[in-house]
Each structure stands twice: as C-alpha cells, then as structure tokens.
Amino acid sequence: QVQLVESGGDLVQPGGSLRLSCSASGTIYTPNALGWYRQAPGKQREWVATASSGGSKVYADSVKARFTISYDNAKNTVYLQMNSLKPEDTAVYYCNYKPASGAAYWGQGTQVIVSS
C-alpha cells in the first residue's frame, strides 16, 4: 500500500505562483514515477507532468513553459512549481504514484483556484 498526501493548493491571482507537494509513504518501489494530474469542473482528468525516480521529467504542452516538476528521492516527495498561473489552471490537482510494475495510487487532491 502507498499513501499520497498532497498540499499547497490555494486561491491565487492570475499571474501568480504556487508550489504543490506530494509525499509518498508506505511500500515504495523503485524505479517509479510520481506525477501530477488535474481535473477542472465538468472536465475529464488530464495529465500535467511526471518525474521519475531516475531523473526524467515530462510535461504536458499546456504547462511546459510555466510549470516545473522536481523529485526528492530521499523524501519520496514530488513538487510542482507553478508560475504564471492562468484561470484555466483552476482545478483539483492529484498526485499519482506508479512503480515500474504494480498498481498505481492516487492522492486525494488539492484545490487550486486562479481568480482575481
């Protein structure tokens, strides 16, 4: 079993920044990937970014120039630095843990609202 705890969601003005954190605990296998997804009201959940325990990072085109993902292997924690936030970034952000083999796990989500 793996537990994921997200934090950092908040209300922020357009153009502002936020940093989300996701800490994984339990039976953590390596290699693995920790990633972020988001779900806006009335929309399907979409992938945002993923970082692997081996150091690779990938981003959705919609956030590539504005968001930065980082992975602290010692803490089994992934961060998502979000800059130049737009109203369309408003969503519940979910953390996802996926080992190289085995089941994936989801966190409960953290709310990000971008509004003036």
Protein backbone atom coordinates (compact mmCIF):
# COMPACT_ATOMS: atom_id res chain seq x y z
CA GLN A 1 0.00 0.00 0.00
CA VAL A 2 1.10 3.53 -0.77
CA GLN A 3 -0.29 6.70 0.73
CA LEU A 4 -0.01 10.01 -1.08
CA VAL A 5 -0.54 13.32 0.69
CA GLU A 6 -0.79 16.48 -1.39
CA SER A 7 -0.54 20.03 -0.13
CA GLY A 8 -0.08 23.55 -1.39
CA GLY A 9 -3.33 24.26 -3.16
CA ASP A 10 -4.74 27.75 -2.67
CA LEU A 11 -6.51 30.71 -4.20
CA VAL A 12 -4.11 32.81 -6.26
CA GLN A 13 -4.45 35.72 -8.67
CA PRO A 14 -3.73 35.32 -12.37
CA GLY A 15 0.00 35.60 -13.00
CA GLY A 16 0.79 34.30 -9.53
CA SER A 17 2.69 31.24 -8.37
CA LEU A 18 2.08 28.20 -6.21
CA ARG A 19 4.10 25.16 -5.22
CA LEU A 20 2.35 21.86 -4.73
CA SER A 21 3.88 19.00 -2.78
CA CYS A 22 3.10 15.30 -2.75
CA SER A 23 4.69 12.95 -0.23
CA ALA A 24 4.54 9.21 -0.74
CA SER A 25 4.74 6.74 2.12
CA GLY A 26 4.29 3.03 2.58
CA THR A 27 5.80 0.38 0.34
CA ILE A 28 7.68 2.43 -2.25
CA TYR A 29 9.32 0.51 -5.08
CA THR A 30 11.98 1.86 -7.39
CA PRO A 31 12.09 2.69 -10.16
CA ASN A 32 8.87 4.63 -10.04
CA ALA A 33 7.24 7.78 -11.27
CA LEU A 34 5.41 10.46 -9.35
CA GLY A 35 3.20 12.71 -11.37
CA TRP A 36 0.50 15.34 -11.29
CA TYR A 37 -2.89 15.29 -12.94
CA ARG A 38 -5.68 17.82 -12.70
CA GLN A 39 -9.42 17.88 -13.09
CA ALA A 40 -11.36 21.05 -13.73
CA PRO A 41 -15.10 21.25 -13.02
CA GLY A 42 -17.07 19.42 -15.69
CA LYS A 43 -13.93 18.12 -17.42
CA GLN A 44 -12.01 14.89 -17.52
CA ARG A 45 -8.86 14.42 -15.50
CA GLU A 46 -5.79 15.37 -17.52
CA TRP A 47 -2.13 14.67 -17.12
CA VAL A 48 0.10 17.62 -16.17
CA ALA A 49 3.65 16.41 -15.52
CA THR A 50 5.63 13.38 -14.36
CA ALA A 51 9.03 12.92 -12.75
CA SER A 52 10.76 9.57 -12.40
CA SER A 53 12.98 8.35 -9.59
CA GLY A 54 15.68 8.09 -12.25
CA GLY A 55 15.58 11.80 -13.01
CA SER A 56 13.47 12.15 -16.15
CA LYS A 57 10.76 14.79 -16.37
CA VAL A 58 7.97 15.27 -18.88
CA TYR A 59 5.28 17.90 -19.20
CA ALA A 60 2.01 18.48 -20.94
CA ASP A 61 2.33 21.11 -23.66
CA SER A 62 -0.14 23.37 -21.87
CA VAL A 63 2.17 23.81 -18.86
CA LYS A 64 5.65 23.15 -20.24
CA ALA A 65 6.87 26.75 -20.17
CA ARG A 66 5.30 27.60 -16.82
CA PHE A 67 5.43 24.58 -14.50
CA THR A 68 8.47 22.77 -13.10
CA ILE A 69 8.34 19.33 -11.52
CA SER A 70 11.03 18.06 -9.17
CA TYR A 71 11.54 14.80 -7.30
CA ASP A 72 13.28 14.45 -3.94
CA ASN A 73 14.20 10.77 -3.83
CA ALA A 74 15.32 10.91 -0.21
CA LYS A 75 11.89 12.12 0.84
CA ASN A 76 9.78 10.30 -1.77
CA THR A 77 8.28 13.68 -2.48
CA VAL A 78 7.46 15.42 -5.72
CA TYR A 79 6.92 19.13 -6.12
CA LEU A 80 5.15 21.11 -8.78
CA GLN A 81 6.22 24.73 -9.06
CA MET A 82 3.52 26.58 -10.96
CA ASN A 83 4.28 30.05 -12.31
CA SER A 84 2.33 32.49 -14.46
CA LEU A 85 -0.90 30.84 -13.40
CA LYS A 86 -3.97 31.32 -15.56
CA PRO A 87 -7.67 30.95 -14.74
CA GLU A 88 -7.70 27.82 -16.91
CA ASP A 89 -5.26 26.22 -14.46
CA THR A 90 -8.06 26.13 -11.91
CA ALA A 91 -8.62 22.50 -10.97
CA VAL A 92 -8.17 19.87 -8.33
CA TYR A 93 -4.60 18.63 -8.66
CA TYR A 94 -3.98 14.96 -7.97
CA CYS A 95 -0.72 13.18 -7.28
CA ASN A 96 -0.11 9.77 -8.86
CA TYR A 97 2.44 7.12 -7.94
CA LYS A 98 3.30 4.45 -10.48
CA PRO A 99 6.01 1.85 -9.95
CA ALA A 100 7.69 0.14 -12.91
CA SER A 101 5.42 -2.84 -12.24
CA GLY A 102 2.42 -3.00 -10.00
CA ALA A 103 -0.56 -0.86 -9.15
CA ALA A 104 -0.76 2.89 -9.34
CA TYR A 105 -2.04 5.00 -6.47
CA TRP A 106 -3.75 8.37 -6.28
CA GLY A 107 -3.82 11.09 -3.70
CA GLN A 108 -7.00 12.81 -2.61
CA GLY A 109 -6.23 16.05 -4.42
CA THR A 110 -5.54 19.66 -3.59
CA GLN A 111 -7.61 22.56 -4.92
CA VAL A 112 -6.03 25.30 -6.99
CA ILE A 113 -8.15 28.34 -7.85
CA VAL A 114 -6.78 31.05 -10.09
CA SER A 115 -9.02 34.07 -9.92
CA SER A 116 -8.92 37.80 -9.38
